[in-house]
Amino acid sequence: MDEKTMLLFDDYLQGALSAPQQKDLEQRLANEPELADAFVIFRELNGHLSHHYSEERASFAAQLRLKAQEHAPTQEAETKKTTKVIRLRPLQYFVAASIVLLFGAILWSQLAVPTYSDYQIEQPISLSIRSEGEIAFAKAEEAFNTGDYEMAVLFFNSILSNTPDNVEVQYYKAIALTQQDNYEEADNLYKALWEGSSVYKYKALWRHALSKLKQKDRASAKALLEQIPPEAEDYEQAQDLLDKL
C-alpha cells in the first residue's frame, strides 16, 4: 500500500472526502478484500499511533522480531510469557510497516522544524551610549536582563524621547517587542536598522528573520536570512537556520 492510499484512508476517517469519493472508496472496500484488510489495519493503527506512539512502536517492534523468527530456522521458543504478540500475515506486515514509517516521518519532520526559541538566547545587555537620563538606562538594562520586557520598553521609550537616533536602544527595544509578540512595531524597527548603516545593520537583519520565524512566516524568514553576508557576526547561525528551513 502506498502513501496515496494511506492518505485516502485518512481522509475517509476524518470525513474529508466528497460524497462521490466516499462512495467510490466504500465500493472498492466491498469488492477488494485485500484493500478492505488494509483499511481495517490502518484504522486500528491510526487510532493507536496518534495517541500512544511510543507504546505502539515498541509493540510493533516486537511484532517485527516475531516475523523475522518465522523465516529463521525453526526452534522452540524458550518462553511464552504473558505478553501477547499478534502475528501478522504478509499483507498486514507490509501495511503496518508502511503506516509506522509514515507516522515516523511525520513525527520526525515536526521535531526537526526550527523554532524561535532554538536561536533566541538573550545575553545580559549593558547600554554603552548614555545621556543625561542615567537612571532610565540602568532601569532599562535591569528590566531587559530580568525578562521584564514590557517595563524595558517603557524605559527604552523614555530614552528615545530624548535621543531618538540611539540605534542601540532601538535595537534592544525591537527585541523586547518581539518577546511580547508585538511584531509590527518590532519589525518596523528592525527594517529601519538593517536598511541603515549602523553597527546594528546585520544584527537587526538576523533578528528580523527570527521575528518572522516566531510568527511562523518561514518564507519571509528565509528571504531575510539570505541577505545576511559572510562578514556578519550571525552569518553561521543564519546559514544553519537556512539549512533547516
C-alpha atoms as a PDB file:
ATOM      1  CA  MET A   1       0.000   0.000   0.000  1.00  0.00           C
ATOM      2  CA  ASP A   2       1.427   3.366  -0.999  1.00  0.00           C
ATOM      3  CA  GLU A   3       1.189   6.743   0.721  1.00  0.00           C
ATOM      4  CA  LYS A   4      -1.601   7.840  -1.628  1.00  0.00           C
ATOM      5  CA  THR A   5      -3.814   5.008  -0.431  1.00  0.00           C
ATOM      6  CA  MET A   6      -2.980   5.709   3.211  1.00  0.00           C
ATOM      7  CA  LEU A   7      -3.864   9.368   2.768  1.00  0.00           C
ATOM      8  CA  LEU A   8      -7.124   8.326   1.100  1.00  0.00           C
ATOM      9  CA  PHE A   9      -7.911   6.161   4.117  1.00  0.00           C
ATOM     10  CA  ASP A  10      -7.041   9.005   6.464  1.00  0.00           C
ATOM     11  CA  ASP A  11      -9.241  11.488   4.597  1.00  0.00           C
ATOM     12  CA  TYR A  12     -12.092   8.980   4.763  1.00  0.00           C
ATOM     13  CA  LEU A  13     -11.711   8.537   8.517  1.00  0.00           C
ATOM     14  CA  GLN A  14     -11.530  12.309   9.007  1.00  0.00           C
ATOM     15  CA  GLY A  15     -14.648  12.861   6.892  1.00  0.00           C
ATOM     16  CA  ALA A  16     -12.669  14.918   4.389  1.00  0.00           C
ATOM     17  CA  LEU A  17     -13.776  13.087   1.235  1.00  0.00           C
ATOM     18  CA  SER A  18     -16.537  14.321  -1.019  1.00  0.00           C
ATOM     19  CA  ALA A  19     -19.679  12.200  -1.273  1.00  0.00           C
ATOM     20  CA  PRO A  20     -18.636  10.667  -4.640  1.00  0.00           C
ATOM     21  CA  GLN A  21     -15.119   9.926  -3.332  1.00  0.00           C
ATOM     22  CA  GLN A  22     -16.527   8.321  -0.200  1.00  0.00           C
ATOM     23  CA  LYS A  23     -18.938   6.179  -2.216  1.00  0.00           C
ATOM     24  CA  ASP A  24     -16.170   5.111  -4.598  1.00  0.00           C
ATOM     25  CA  LEU A  25     -13.892   4.033  -1.743  1.00  0.00           C
ATOM     26  CA  GLU A  26     -16.678   2.143   0.003  1.00  0.00           C
ATOM     27  CA  GLN A  27     -17.410   0.248  -3.214  1.00  0.00           C
ATOM     28  CA  ARG A  28     -13.745  -0.651  -3.553  1.00  0.00           C
ATOM     29  CA  LEU A  29     -13.616  -1.830   0.048  1.00  0.00           C
ATOM     30  CA  ALA A  30     -16.644  -4.034  -0.601  1.00  0.00           C
ATOM     31  CA  ASN A  31     -15.177  -5.546  -3.775  1.00  0.00           C
ATOM     32  CA  GLU A  32     -11.452  -5.747  -2.929  1.00  0.00           C
ATOM     33  CA  PRO A  33     -10.777  -7.982   0.096  1.00  0.00           C
ATOM     34  CA  GLU A  34      -7.094  -7.067   0.383  1.00  0.00           C
ATOM     35  CA  LEU A  35      -7.872  -3.357   0.308  1.00  0.00           C
ATOM     36  CA  ALA A  36     -10.527  -3.937   2.961  1.00  0.00           C
ATOM     37  CA  ASP A  37      -7.989  -5.762   5.136  1.00  0.00           C
ATOM     38  CA  ALA A  38      -5.533  -2.918   4.691  1.00  0.00           C
ATOM     39  CA  PHE A  39      -8.190  -0.387   5.664  1.00  0.00           C
ATOM     40  CA  VAL A  40      -9.060  -2.247   8.867  1.00  0.00           C
ATOM     41  CA  ILE A  41      -5.391  -2.364   9.862  1.00  0.00           C
ATOM     42  CA  PHE A  42      -4.882   1.300   9.012  1.00  0.00           C
ATOM     43  CA  ARG A  43      -7.924   2.335  11.018  1.00  0.00           C
ATOM     44  CA  GLU A  44      -6.754   0.426  14.079  1.00  0.00           C
ATOM     45  CA  LEU A  45      -3.126   1.536  13.946  1.00  0.00           C
ATOM     46  CA  ASN A  46      -4.053   5.092  13.069  1.00  0.00           C
ATOM     47  CA  GLY A  47      -6.166   5.371  16.187  1.00  0.00           C
ATOM     48  CA  HIS A  48      -3.438   3.999  18.432  1.00  0.00           C
ATOM     49  CA  LEU A  49      -0.338   5.575  16.946  1.00  0.00           C
ATOM     50  CA  SER A  50      -1.635   9.104  17.074  1.00  0.00           C
ATOM     51  CA  HIS A  51      -2.182   8.888  20.841  1.00  0.00           C
ATOM     52  CA  HIS A  52       0.249   6.245  22.065  1.00  0.00           C
ATOM     53  CA  TYR A  53       3.110   6.453  19.577  1.00  0.00           C
ATOM     54  CA  SER A  54       5.891   5.190  21.804  1.00  0.00           C
ATOM     55  CA  GLU A  55       3.928   2.269  23.204  1.00  0.00           C
ATOM     56  CA  GLU A  56       2.618   1.143  19.828  1.00  0.00           C
ATOM     57  CA  ARG A  57       6.006   1.494  18.206  1.00  0.00           C
ATOM     58  CA  ALA A  58       7.506  -0.813  20.829  1.00  0.00           C
ATOM     59  CA  SER A  59       4.695  -3.290  20.237  1.00  0.00           C
ATOM     60  CA  PHE A  60       5.257  -3.155  16.505  1.00  0.00           C
ATOM     61  CA  ALA A  61       8.982  -3.737  17.012  1.00  0.00           C
ATOM     62  CA  ALA A  62       8.098  -6.905  18.909  1.00  0.00           C
ATOM     63  CA  GLN A  63       5.926  -7.983  16.006  1.00  0.00           C
ATOM     64  CA  LEU A  64       8.783  -7.380  13.591  1.00  0.00           C
ATOM     65  CA  ARG A  65      11.087  -9.544  15.681  1.00  0.00           C
ATOM     66  CA  LEU A  66       8.494 -12.292  15.707  1.00  0.00           C
ATOM     67  CA  LYS A  67       8.105 -12.062  11.930  1.00  0.00           C
ATOM     68  CA  ALA A  68      11.854 -12.371  11.486  1.00  0.00           C
ATOM     69  CA  GLN A  69      11.874 -15.514  13.617  1.00  0.00           C
ATOM     70  CA  GLU A  70       9.331 -17.098  11.304  1.00  0.00           C
ATOM     71  CA  HIS A  71      11.886 -17.009   8.490  1.00  0.00           C
ATOM     72  CA  ALA A  72      14.781 -18.268  10.613  1.00  0.00           C
ATOM     73  CA  PRO A  73      15.476 -21.978  11.279  1.00  0.00           C
ATOM     74  CA  THR A  74      12.630 -23.240  13.397  1.00  0.00           C
ATOM     75  CA  GLN A  75      13.269 -23.683  17.052  1.00  0.00           C
ATOM     76  CA  GLU A  76      11.054 -23.859  20.034  1.00  0.00           C
ATOM     77  CA  ALA A  77      10.536 -20.538  21.699  1.00  0.00           C
ATOM     78  CA  GLU A  78      12.202 -20.526  25.064  1.00  0.00           C
ATOM     79  CA  THR A  79       9.409 -18.616  26.659  1.00  0.00           C
ATOM     80  CA  LYS A  80       5.776 -17.918  26.142  1.00  0.00           C
ATOM     81  CA  LYS A  81       5.279 -15.194  28.646  1.00  0.00           C
ATOM     82  CA  THR A  82       2.253 -13.169  29.499  1.00  0.00           C
ATOM     83  CA  THR A  83       2.928 -10.580  26.798  1.00  0.00           C
ATOM     84  CA  LYS A  84       0.645 -11.257  23.859  1.00  0.00           C
ATOM     85  CA  VAL A  85       2.105 -10.531  20.413  1.00  0.00           C
ATOM     86  CA  ILE A  86      -0.175 -10.591  17.386  1.00  0.00           C
ATOM     87  CA  ARG A  87       1.228 -12.417  14.375  1.00  0.00           C
ATOM     88  CA  LEU A  88       0.813 -10.578  11.109  1.00  0.00           C
ATOM     89  CA  ARG A  89       0.002 -12.028   7.719  1.00  0.00           C
ATOM     90  CA  PRO A  90       2.296 -10.807   4.899  1.00  0.00           C
ATOM     91  CA  LEU A  91      -0.224  -8.204   3.752  1.00  0.00           C
ATOM     92  CA  GLN A  92      -0.711  -6.971   7.311  1.00  0.00           C
ATOM     93  CA  TYR A  93       3.031  -6.838   7.847  1.00  0.00           C
ATOM     94  CA  PHE A  94       3.683  -4.593   4.869  1.00  0.00           C
ATOM     95  CA  VAL A  95       0.693  -2.359   5.565  1.00  0.00           C
ATOM     96  CA  ALA A  96       1.690  -1.941   9.207  1.00  0.00           C
ATOM     97  CA  ALA A  97       5.297  -1.236   8.254  1.00  0.00           C
ATOM     98  CA  SER A  98       4.192   1.428   5.773  1.00  0.00           C
ATOM     99  CA  ILE A  99       1.977   3.115   8.343  1.00  0.00           C
ATOM    100  CA  VAL A 100       4.679   3.154  11.007  1.00  0.00           C
ATOM    101  CA  LEU A 101       7.185   4.590   8.548  1.00  0.00           C
ATOM    102  CA  LEU A 102       4.724   7.299   7.533  1.00  0.00           C
ATOM    103  CA  PHE A 103       3.968   8.258  11.126  1.00  0.00           C
ATOM    104  CA  GLY A 104       7.679   8.220  11.910  1.00  0.00           C
ATOM    105  CA  ALA A 105       8.395  10.572   9.009  1.00  0.00           C
ATOM    106  CA  ILE A 106       5.644  12.945  10.113  1.00  0.00           C
ATOM    107  CA  LEU A 107       6.869  12.906  13.720  1.00  0.00           C
ATOM    108  CA  TRP A 108      10.477  13.473  12.654  1.00  0.00           C
ATOM    109  CA  SER A 109       9.530  16.385  10.387  1.00  0.00           C
ATOM    110  CA  GLN A 110       7.664  18.014  13.263  1.00  0.00           C
ATOM    111  CA  LEU A 111      10.598  17.593  15.631  1.00  0.00           C
ATOM    112  CA  ALA A 112      13.054  18.889  13.042  1.00  0.00           C
ATOM    113  CA  VAL A 113      11.233  22.181  12.376  1.00  0.00           C
ATOM    114  CA  PRO A 114      13.342  25.005  13.879  1.00  0.00           C
ATOM    115  CA  THR A 115      11.698  27.399  16.309  1.00  0.00           C
ATOM    116  CA  TYR A 116      12.408  30.894  17.587  1.00  0.00           C
ATOM    117  CA  SER A 117      13.465  29.563  20.979  1.00  0.00           C
ATOM    118  CA  ASP A 118      16.194  27.456  19.335  1.00  0.00           C
ATOM    119  CA  TYR A 119      18.066  30.608  18.340  1.00  0.00           C
ATOM    120  CA  GLN A 120      16.791  33.312  20.669  1.00  0.00           C
ATOM    121  CA  ILE A 121      19.262  33.366  23.549  1.00  0.00           C
ATOM    122  CA  GLU A 122      19.275  36.723  25.256  1.00  0.00           C
ATOM    123  CA  GLN A 123      22.558  37.869  26.753  1.00  0.00           C
ATOM    124  CA  PRO A 124      22.659  40.493  29.525  1.00  0.00           C
ATOM    125  CA  ILE A 125      22.860  43.937  27.978  1.00  0.00           C
ATOM    126  CA  SER A 126      24.930  46.900  29.051  1.00  0.00           C
ATOM    127  CA  LEU A 127      23.960  50.009  27.139  1.00  0.00           C
ATOM    128  CA  SER A 128      27.093  51.795  26.022  1.00  0.00           C
ATOM    129  CA  ILE A 129      25.717  55.114  24.784  1.00  0.00           C
ATOM    130  CA  ARG A 130      24.280  57.067  27.690  1.00  0.00           C
ATOM    131  CA  SER A 131      22.944  60.560  28.152  1.00  0.00           C
ATOM    132  CA  GLU A 132      21.669  62.684  30.980  1.00  0.00           C
ATOM    133  CA  GLY A 133      18.990  60.119  31.860  1.00  0.00           C
ATOM    134  CA  GLU A 134      21.350  57.697  33.591  1.00  0.00           C
ATOM    135  CA  ILE A 135      18.573  56.222  35.732  1.00  0.00           C
ATOM    136  CA  ALA A 136      16.466  55.336  32.693  1.00  0.00           C
ATOM    137  CA  PHE A 137      19.409  53.457  31.152  1.00  0.00           C
ATOM    138  CA  ALA A 138      20.037  51.498  34.357  1.00  0.00           C
ATOM    139  CA  LYS A 139      16.352  50.655  34.746  1.00  0.00           C
ATOM    140  CA  ALA A 140      16.076  49.619  31.087  1.00  0.00           C
ATOM    141  CA  GLU A 141      19.053  47.285  31.470  1.00  0.00           C
ATOM    142  CA  GLU A 142      17.662  45.767  34.666  1.00  0.00           C
ATOM    143  CA  ALA A 143      14.205  45.205  33.193  1.00  0.00           C
ATOM    144  CA  PHE A 144      15.556  43.673  29.976  1.00  0.00           C
ATOM    145  CA  ASN A 145      18.052  41.425  31.759  1.00  0.00           C
ATOM    146  CA  THR A 146      15.389  40.087  34.123  1.00  0.00           C
ATOM    147  CA  GLY A 147      12.940  39.384  31.301  1.00  0.00           C
ATOM    148  CA  ASP A 148      10.528  42.198  32.153  1.00  0.00           C
ATOM    149  CA  TYR A 149      10.261  43.274  28.532  1.00  0.00           C
ATOM    150  CA  GLU A 150       7.150  45.382  28.987  1.00  0.00           C
ATOM    151  CA  MET A 151       8.915  47.554  31.549  1.00  0.00           C
ATOM    152  CA  ALA A 152      12.073  47.598  29.432  1.00  0.00           C
ATOM    153  CA  VAL A 153      10.126  49.057  26.507  1.00  0.00           C
ATOM    154  CA  LEU A 154       8.806  51.839  28.748  1.00  0.00           C
ATOM    155  CA  PHE A 155      12.338  52.839  29.725  1.00  0.00           C
ATOM    156  CA  PHE A 156      13.597  52.467  26.152  1.00  0.00           C
ATOM    157  CA  ASN A 157      10.830  54.841  25.059  1.00  0.00           C
ATOM    158  CA  SER A 158      11.859  57.302  27.740  1.00  0.00           C
ATOM    159  CA  ILE A 159      15.447  57.227  26.476  1.00  0.00           C
ATOM    160  CA  LEU A 160      14.397  57.538  22.840  1.00  0.00           C
ATOM    161  CA  SER A 161      12.216  60.541  23.617  1.00  0.00           C
ATOM    162  CA  ASN A 162      15.447  62.392  24.395  1.00  0.00           C
ATOM    163  CA  THR A 163      17.789  60.624  21.945  1.00  0.00           C
ATOM    164  CA  PRO A 164      15.613  59.290  19.098  1.00  0.00           C
ATOM    165  CA  ASP A 165      18.641  58.316  16.989  1.00  0.00           C
ATOM    166  CA  ASN A 166      20.090  55.941  19.585  1.00  0.00           C
ATOM    167  CA  VAL A 167      20.332  52.815  17.400  1.00  0.00           C
ATOM    168  CA  GLU A 168      21.471  50.617  20.270  1.00  0.00           C
ATOM    169  CA  VAL A 169      18.315  51.346  22.240  1.00  0.00           C
ATOM    170  CA  GLN A 170      16.198  50.945  19.094  1.00  0.00           C
ATOM    171  CA  TYR A 171      17.714  47.504  18.558  1.00  0.00           C
ATOM    172  CA  TYR A 172      17.053  46.247  22.072  1.00  0.00           C
ATOM    173  CA  LYS A 173      13.600  47.795  22.079  1.00  0.00           C
ATOM    174  CA  ALA A 174      12.804  45.772  18.942  1.00  0.00           C
ATOM    175  CA  ILE A 175      13.926  42.572  20.682  1.00  0.00           C
ATOM    176  CA  ALA A 176      11.804  43.391  23.737  1.00  0.00           C
ATOM    177  CA  LEU A 177       8.808  43.995  21.473  1.00  0.00           C
ATOM    178  CA  THR A 178       9.383  40.678  19.702  1.00  0.00           C
ATOM    179  CA  GLN A 179       9.415  38.904  23.047  1.00  0.00           C
ATOM    180  CA  GLN A 180       5.968  40.365  23.707  1.00  0.00           C
ATOM    181  CA  ASP A 181       4.699  39.341  20.256  1.00  0.00           C
ATOM    182  CA  ASN A 182       4.370  42.994  19.247  1.00  0.00           C
ATOM    183  CA  TYR A 183       5.599  42.091  15.785  1.00  0.00           C
ATOM    184  CA  GLU A 184       4.511  45.047  13.680  1.00  0.00           C
ATOM    185  CA  GLU A 185       6.386  47.667  15.690  1.00  0.00           C
ATOM    186  CA  ALA A 186       9.356  45.364  16.213  1.00  0.00           C
ATOM    187  CA  ASP A 187       9.657  44.519  12.516  1.00  0.00           C
ATOM    188  CA  ASN A 188       9.456  48.185  11.559  1.00  0.00           C
ATOM    189  CA  LEU A 189      12.355  48.921  13.894  1.00  0.00           C
ATOM    190  CA  TYR A 190      14.402  46.003  12.561  1.00  0.00           C
ATOM    191  CA  LYS A 191      13.772  47.098   8.982  1.00  0.00           C
ATOM    192  CA  ALA A 192      14.805  50.683   9.677  1.00  0.00           C
ATOM    193  CA  LEU A 193      18.001  49.438  11.315  1.00  0.00           C
ATOM    194  CA  TRP A 194      19.074  46.971   8.625  1.00  0.00           C
ATOM    195  CA  GLU A 195      18.312  49.493   5.915  1.00  0.00           C
ATOM    196  CA  GLY A 196      20.649  51.893   7.700  1.00  0.00           C
ATOM    197  CA  SER A 197      24.418  51.778   8.071  1.00  0.00           C
ATOM    198  CA  SER A 198      24.993  51.392  11.810  1.00  0.00           C
ATOM    199  CA  VAL A 199      26.864  48.564  13.509  1.00  0.00           C
ATOM    200  CA  TYR A 200      23.463  47.010  14.194  1.00  0.00           C
ATOM    201  CA  LYS A 201      22.635  46.676  10.497  1.00  0.00           C
ATOM    202  CA  TYR A 202      23.161  42.924  10.141  1.00  0.00           C
ATOM    203  CA  LYS A 203      22.279  42.099  13.740  1.00  0.00           C
ATOM    204  CA  ALA A 204      18.885  43.689  13.081  1.00  0.00           C
ATOM    205  CA  LEU A 205      18.557  41.687   9.855  1.00  0.00           C
ATOM    206  CA  TRP A 206      19.205  38.482  11.794  1.00  0.00           C
ATOM    207  CA  ARG A 207      16.713  39.442  14.483  1.00  0.00           C
ATOM    208  CA  HIS A 208      14.144  40.393  11.868  1.00  0.00           C
ATOM    209  CA  ALA A 209      14.471  36.886  10.425  1.00  0.00           C
ATOM    210  CA  LEU A 210      13.983  35.379  13.891  1.00  0.00           C
ATOM    211  CA  SER A 211      10.909  37.539  14.380  1.00  0.00           C
ATOM    212  CA  LYS A 212       9.436  36.114  11.170  1.00  0.00           C
ATOM    213  CA  LEU A 213      10.334  32.616  12.363  1.00  0.00           C
ATOM    214  CA  LYS A 214       8.454  33.243  15.600  1.00  0.00           C
ATOM    215  CA  GLN A 215       5.479  34.346  13.516  1.00  0.00           C
ATOM    216  CA  LYS A 216       5.788  31.072  11.545  1.00  0.00           C
ATOM    217  CA  ASP A 217       6.377  33.086   8.375  1.00  0.00           C
ATOM    218  CA  ARG A 218       9.138  30.806   7.107  1.00  0.00           C
ATOM    219  CA  ALA A 219       9.213  32.274   3.598  1.00  0.00           C
ATOM    220  CA  SER A 220       9.940  35.782   4.898  1.00  0.00           C
ATOM    221  CA  ALA A 221      12.470  34.407   7.377  1.00  0.00           C
ATOM    222  CA  LYS A 222      14.359  32.670   4.554  1.00  0.00           C
ATOM    223  CA  ALA A 223      14.306  35.792   2.389  1.00  0.00           C
ATOM    224  CA  LEU A 224      15.845  37.833   5.208  1.00  0.00           C
ATOM    225  CA  LEU A 225      18.429  35.188   6.107  1.00  0.00           C
ATOM    226  CA  GLU A 226      19.629  35.050   2.512  1.00  0.00           C
ATOM    227  CA  GLN A 227      20.579  38.732   2.744  1.00  0.00           C
ATOM    228  CA  ILE A 228      22.996  38.244   5.643  1.00  0.00           C
ATOM    229  CA  PRO A 229      26.568  38.455   4.258  1.00  0.00           C
ATOM    230  CA  PRO A 230      29.507  36.235   5.297  1.00  0.00           C
ATOM    231  CA  GLU A 231      31.140  39.053   7.235  1.00  0.00           C
ATOM    232  CA  ALA A 232      28.139  39.396   9.554  1.00  0.00           C
ATOM    233  CA  GLU A 233      28.549  38.185  13.135  1.00  0.00           C
ATOM    234  CA  ASP A 234      25.463  35.983  12.879  1.00  0.00           C
ATOM    235  CA  TYR A 235      26.235  34.556   9.425  1.00  0.00           C
ATOM    236  CA  GLU A 236      26.934  30.990  10.587  1.00  0.00           C
ATOM    237  CA  GLN A 237      23.762  30.852  12.655  1.00  0.00           C
ATOM    238  CA  ALA A 238      21.842  32.265   9.716  1.00  0.00           C
ATOM    239  CA  GLN A 239      23.204  29.557   7.416  1.00  0.00           C
ATOM    240  CA  ASP A 240      22.363  26.869   9.955  1.00  0.00           C
ATOM    241  CA  LEU A 241      18.791  28.116  10.181  1.00  0.00           C
ATOM    242  CA  LEU A 242      18.541  28.398   6.395  1.00  0.00           C
ATOM    243  CA  ASP A 243      19.565  24.767   6.024  1.00  0.00           C
ATOM    244  CA  LYS A 244      16.805  23.714   8.415  1.00  0.00           C
ATOM    245  CA  LEU A 245      14.153  25.813   6.710  1.00  0.00           C
END
